[in-house]
């Protein structure tokens, strides 16, 4: 078949650079391959990164808990502290959400 556009050495350098700084864009990686002496299209670079297990995904942004929400959660929890385990068996849990507080 057709020989690969990027050599093994250029592919390794590309993967190392993308793993070292995960916020680097495809255009920046493309410029770095030109500096090495090889040229590659963005889709070629993207394909090389995908084959190595690196994907350009962005984490979903979750809102931080406001002070009023923290207070209402604490009030809810303290109002049911004295209830028995038998009472909690009767509760239908329809929505379980993982919440993390940052800061």
N, C-alpha and C. Protein backbone atom coordinates (compact mmCIF):
# COMPACT_ATOMS: atom_id res chain seq x y z
N UNK A 1 0.80 -1.18 0.00
CA UNK A 1 0.00 0.00 0.00
C UNK A 1 0.85 1.25 0.00
N UNK A 2 0.18 2.32 0.20
CA UNK A 2 0.85 3.61 0.19
C UNK A 2 1.71 3.77 1.45
N UNK A 3 2.89 4.34 1.33
CA UNK A 3 3.73 4.56 2.52
C UNK A 3 3.09 5.63 3.42
N UNK A 4 3.31 5.52 4.73
CA UNK A 4 2.69 6.48 5.65
C UNK A 4 3.24 7.89 5.45
N UNK A 5 2.38 8.87 5.67
CA UNK A 5 2.77 10.26 5.50
C UNK A 5 3.78 10.69 6.57
N UNK A 6 3.58 10.21 7.80
CA UNK A 6 4.48 10.54 8.90
C UNK A 6 5.33 9.32 9.23
N UNK A 7 6.60 9.53 9.47
CA UNK A 7 7.48 8.42 9.86
C UNK A 7 7.20 8.01 11.29
N UNK A 8 7.75 6.92 11.68
CA UNK A 8 7.56 6.43 13.05
C UNK A 8 8.12 7.39 14.08
N UNK A 9 9.25 8.01 13.76
CA UNK A 9 9.86 8.97 14.67
C UNK A 9 8.97 10.20 14.83
N UNK A 10 8.39 10.70 13.72
CA UNK A 10 7.51 11.87 13.78
C UNK A 10 6.22 11.52 14.53
N UNK A 11 5.71 10.30 14.31
CA UNK A 11 4.50 9.87 15.04
C UNK A 11 4.76 9.83 16.53
N UNK A 12 5.90 9.29 16.94
CA UNK A 12 6.24 9.22 18.36
C UNK A 12 6.37 10.60 18.98
N UNK A 13 7.02 11.51 18.25
CA UNK A 13 7.17 12.88 18.76
C UNK A 13 5.81 13.55 18.90
N UNK A 14 4.94 13.30 17.94
CA UNK A 14 3.60 13.88 17.96
C UNK A 14 2.80 13.38 19.16
N UNK A 15 2.85 12.08 19.40
CA UNK A 15 2.12 11.49 20.53
C UNK A 15 2.68 11.99 21.85
N UNK A 16 4.02 12.08 21.95
CA UNK A 16 4.63 12.59 23.19
C UNK A 16 4.21 14.03 23.47
N UNK A 17 4.20 14.84 22.42
CA UNK A 17 3.84 16.25 22.61
C UNK A 17 2.38 16.41 23.01
N UNK A 18 1.50 15.61 22.40
CA UNK A 18 0.08 15.69 22.72
C UNK A 18 -0.20 15.17 24.13
N UNK A 19 0.53 14.15 24.56
CA UNK A 19 0.33 13.61 25.91
C UNK A 19 0.92 14.55 26.95
N UNK A 20 2.02 15.23 26.61
CA UNK A 20 2.68 16.12 27.56
C UNK A 20 1.82 17.35 27.84
N UNK A 21 1.24 17.92 26.80
CA UNK A 21 0.38 19.10 26.99
C UNK A 21 -0.97 18.82 26.33
N UNK A 22 -1.95 18.36 27.11
CA UNK A 22 -3.23 17.93 26.55
C UNK A 22 -4.08 19.05 25.95
N UNK A 23 -3.77 20.31 26.23
CA UNK A 23 -4.57 21.40 25.70
C UNK A 23 -4.07 21.92 24.36
N UNK A 24 -3.07 21.26 23.78
CA UNK A 24 -2.52 21.69 22.52
C UNK A 24 -3.52 21.39 21.39
N UNK A 25 -3.62 22.29 20.42
CA UNK A 25 -4.58 22.11 19.32
C UNK A 25 -3.93 21.37 18.17
N UNK A 26 -4.77 20.91 17.24
CA UNK A 26 -4.25 20.20 16.07
C UNK A 26 -3.39 21.12 15.20
N UNK A 27 -3.76 22.39 15.12
CA UNK A 27 -2.97 23.33 14.32
C UNK A 27 -1.57 23.49 14.90
N UNK A 28 -1.47 23.56 16.22
CA UNK A 28 -0.16 23.68 16.85
C UNK A 28 0.67 22.42 16.63
N UNK A 29 0.02 21.26 16.71
CA UNK A 29 0.73 20.01 16.44
C UNK A 29 1.17 19.95 14.98
N UNK A 30 0.35 20.48 14.09
CA UNK A 30 0.69 20.49 12.68
C UNK A 30 1.93 21.37 12.45
N UNK A 31 1.99 22.52 13.11
CA UNK A 31 3.16 23.39 13.00
C UNK A 31 4.41 22.71 13.55
N UNK A 32 4.26 21.94 14.62
CA UNK A 32 5.42 21.27 15.20
C UNK A 32 5.94 20.17 14.28
N UNK A 33 5.05 19.51 13.53
CA UNK A 33 5.53 18.50 12.59
C UNK A 33 6.27 19.14 11.43
N UNK A 34 5.85 20.34 11.04
CA UNK A 34 6.56 21.06 9.98
C UNK A 34 7.95 21.43 10.46
N UNK A 35 8.09 21.80 11.73
CA UNK A 35 9.39 22.14 12.28
C UNK A 35 10.32 20.92 12.30
N UNK A 36 9.75 19.74 12.51
CA UNK A 36 10.54 18.51 12.51
C UNK A 36 11.02 18.19 11.09
N UNK A 37 10.30 18.68 10.10
CA UNK A 37 10.70 18.45 8.72
C UNK A 37 9.70 17.62 7.94
N UNK A 38 8.57 17.31 8.55
CA UNK A 38 7.54 16.53 7.88
C UNK A 38 6.24 17.32 7.95
N UNK A 39 5.44 17.19 6.91
CA UNK A 39 4.16 17.89 6.90
C UNK A 39 3.04 16.86 6.96
N UNK A 40 2.01 17.20 7.67
CA UNK A 40 0.85 16.33 7.78
C UNK A 40 -0.40 17.16 7.94
N UNK A 41 -1.49 16.69 7.35
CA UNK A 41 -2.77 17.38 7.46
C UNK A 41 -3.35 17.18 8.85
N UNK A 42 -4.30 18.04 9.24
CA UNK A 42 -4.92 17.92 10.57
C UNK A 42 -5.59 16.57 10.75
N UNK A 43 -6.24 16.07 9.70
CA UNK A 43 -6.92 14.76 9.83
C UNK A 43 -5.90 13.64 9.98
N UNK A 44 -4.74 13.76 9.35
CA UNK A 44 -3.69 12.76 9.51
C UNK A 44 -3.19 12.75 10.95
N UNK A 45 -2.98 13.93 11.51
CA UNK A 45 -2.52 14.04 12.89
C UNK A 45 -3.58 13.50 13.84
N UNK A 46 -4.83 13.85 13.57
CA UNK A 46 -5.93 13.37 14.41
C UNK A 46 -6.03 11.85 14.36
N UNK A 47 -5.85 11.28 13.19
CA UNK A 47 -5.92 9.83 13.03
C UNK A 47 -4.80 9.14 13.80
N UNK A 48 -3.59 9.72 13.76
CA UNK A 48 -2.46 9.16 14.50
C UNK A 48 -2.74 9.19 16.00
N UNK A 49 -3.28 10.31 16.48
CA UNK A 49 -3.58 10.43 17.91
C UNK A 49 -4.69 9.47 18.32
N UNK A 50 -5.71 9.29 17.49
CA UNK A 50 -6.80 8.37 17.81
C UNK A 50 -6.30 6.94 17.89
N UNK A 51 -5.40 6.57 16.97
CA UNK A 51 -4.86 5.20 16.99
C UNK A 51 -4.04 4.94 18.25
N UNK A 52 -3.45 6.00 18.81
CA UNK A 52 -2.67 5.83 20.04
C UNK A 52 -3.54 5.98 21.30
N UNK A 53 -4.83 6.26 21.13
CA UNK A 53 -5.73 6.34 22.28
C UNK A 53 -5.93 7.74 22.84
N UNK A 54 -5.49 8.77 22.11
CA UNK A 54 -5.67 10.15 22.56
C UNK A 54 -6.81 10.79 21.77
N UNK A 55 -7.80 11.30 22.48
CA UNK A 55 -8.97 11.89 21.84
C UNK A 55 -9.16 13.31 22.35
N UNK A 56 -9.70 14.18 21.51
CA UNK A 56 -9.95 15.57 21.91
C UNK A 56 -11.33 15.72 22.51
N UNK A 57 -11.43 15.43 23.78
CA UNK A 57 -12.72 15.55 24.46
C UNK A 57 -12.63 16.65 25.50
N UNK A 58 -13.77 17.27 25.75
CA UNK A 58 -13.84 18.36 26.73
C UNK A 58 -14.77 17.92 27.84
N UNK A 59 -14.35 18.12 29.07
CA UNK A 59 -15.17 17.74 30.22
C UNK A 59 -16.39 18.65 30.31
N UNK A 60 -17.51 18.06 30.73
CA UNK A 60 -18.74 18.84 30.88
C UNK A 60 -18.60 19.78 32.05
N UNK A 61 -19.04 21.00 31.87
CA UNK A 61 -18.96 21.99 32.94
C UNK A 61 -20.16 21.83 33.86
N UNK A 62 -19.89 21.76 35.14
CA UNK A 62 -20.96 21.62 36.13
C UNK A 62 -20.93 22.86 37.02
N UNK A 63 -22.09 23.41 37.34
CA UNK A 63 -22.10 24.60 38.18
C UNK A 63 -21.68 24.29 39.61
N UNK A 64 -21.03 25.23 40.24
CA UNK A 64 -20.63 25.08 41.63
C UNK A 64 -21.84 25.28 42.52
N UNK A 65 -21.80 24.71 43.71
CA UNK A 65 -22.91 24.87 44.65
C UNK A 65 -22.85 26.26 45.28
N UNK A 66 -23.99 26.94 45.25
CA UNK A 66 -24.08 28.25 45.89
C UNK A 66 -24.28 28.06 47.38
N UNK A 67 -24.03 29.10 48.15
CA UNK A 67 -24.16 29.03 49.60
C UNK A 67 -25.59 28.69 50.01
N UNK A 68 -26.59 29.23 49.28
CA UNK A 68 -27.98 28.93 49.62
C UNK A 68 -28.30 27.47 49.39
N UNK A 69 -27.75 26.87 48.33
CA UNK A 69 -27.98 25.44 48.08
C UNK A 69 -27.32 24.58 49.14
N UNK A 70 -26.11 24.95 49.55
CA UNK A 70 -25.43 24.20 50.61
C UNK A 70 -26.26 24.23 51.89
N UNK A 71 -26.80 25.41 52.19
CA UNK A 71 -27.60 25.58 53.41
C UNK A 71 -28.87 24.73 53.35
N UNK A 72 -29.54 24.73 52.18
CA UNK A 72 -30.78 23.94 52.05
C UNK A 72 -30.49 22.44 52.10
N UNK A 73 -29.36 22.00 51.54
CA UNK A 73 -29.00 20.58 51.61
C UNK A 73 -28.73 20.17 53.05
N UNK A 74 -28.02 21.04 53.78
CA UNK A 74 -27.71 20.75 55.18
C UNK A 74 -28.99 20.72 56.01
N UNK A 75 -29.91 21.65 55.76
CA UNK A 75 -31.18 21.66 56.49
C UNK A 75 -31.96 20.39 56.22
N UNK A 76 -32.01 19.95 54.97
CA UNK A 76 -32.73 18.72 54.60
C UNK A 76 -32.11 17.51 55.32
N UNK A 77 -30.78 17.42 55.31
CA UNK A 77 -30.12 16.28 55.92
C UNK A 77 -30.32 16.25 57.43
N UNK A 78 -30.21 17.40 58.08
CA UNK A 78 -30.36 17.43 59.54
C UNK A 78 -31.80 17.22 59.98
N UNK A 79 -32.77 17.55 59.11
CA UNK A 79 -34.17 17.35 59.49
C UNK A 79 -34.56 15.88 59.51
N UNK A 80 -33.80 15.03 58.80
CA UNK A 80 -34.13 13.60 58.75
C UNK A 80 -33.11 12.74 59.49
N UNK A 81 -32.28 13.32 60.34
CA UNK A 81 -31.24 12.57 61.04
C UNK A 81 -31.84 11.53 61.98
N UNK A 82 -32.89 11.86 62.69
CA UNK A 82 -33.45 10.96 63.70
C UNK A 82 -34.35 9.86 63.16
N UNK A 83 -34.60 9.80 61.88
CA UNK A 83 -35.51 8.80 61.32
C UNK A 83 -34.88 7.41 61.35
N UNK A 84 -35.74 6.41 61.44
CA UNK A 84 -35.27 5.03 61.54
C UNK A 84 -34.93 4.47 60.16
N UNK A 85 -34.21 3.38 60.17
CA UNK A 85 -33.85 2.72 58.90
C UNK A 85 -35.09 2.16 58.23
N UNK A 86 -36.09 1.78 59.04
CA UNK A 86 -37.34 1.25 58.48
C UNK A 86 -38.05 2.32 57.66
N UNK A 87 -38.01 3.58 58.11
CA UNK A 87 -38.64 4.66 57.35
C UNK A 87 -37.94 4.86 56.01
N UNK A 88 -36.61 4.77 56.01
CA UNK A 88 -35.86 5.00 54.77
C UNK A 88 -36.07 3.88 53.76
N UNK A 89 -36.46 2.68 54.21
CA UNK A 89 -36.76 1.59 53.27
C UNK A 89 -38.01 1.88 52.46
N UNK A 90 -38.89 2.74 52.97
CA UNK A 90 -40.14 3.07 52.28
C UNK A 90 -39.96 4.18 51.24
N UNK A 91 -38.80 4.83 51.24
CA UNK A 91 -38.56 5.93 50.32
C UNK A 91 -38.20 5.39 48.94
N UNK A 92 -38.82 5.93 47.92
CA UNK A 92 -38.51 5.57 46.54
C UNK A 92 -37.43 6.51 46.02
N UNK A 93 -36.23 5.98 45.75
CA UNK A 93 -35.12 6.79 45.28
C UNK A 93 -35.16 6.81 43.75
N UNK A 94 -35.58 7.93 43.20
CA UNK A 94 -35.73 8.02 41.75
C UNK A 94 -34.56 8.71 41.06
N UNK A 95 -33.83 9.56 41.77
CA UNK A 95 -32.75 10.30 41.14
C UNK A 95 -31.56 10.35 42.07
N UNK A 96 -30.49 9.65 41.67
CA UNK A 96 -29.27 9.69 42.46
C UNK A 96 -28.24 10.47 41.66
N UNK A 97 -27.84 11.62 42.17
CA UNK A 97 -26.90 12.49 41.47
C UNK A 97 -25.64 12.61 42.29
N UNK A 98 -24.49 12.45 41.62
CA UNK A 98 -23.21 12.64 42.31
C UNK A 98 -22.88 14.12 42.31
N UNK A 99 -22.61 14.68 43.48
CA UNK A 99 -22.29 16.10 43.58
C UNK A 99 -20.92 16.23 44.23
N UNK A 100 -20.09 17.08 43.62
CA UNK A 100 -18.79 17.38 44.20
C UNK A 100 -18.71 18.89 44.41
N UNK A 101 -18.20 19.26 45.55
CA UNK A 101 -18.06 20.67 45.88
C UNK A 101 -16.62 21.08 45.63
N UNK A 102 -16.42 22.10 44.80
CA UNK A 102 -15.08 22.60 44.51
C UNK A 102 -14.89 23.91 45.27
N UNK A 103 -13.86 23.97 46.08
CA UNK A 103 -13.53 25.22 46.76
C UNK A 103 -14.29 25.46 47.94
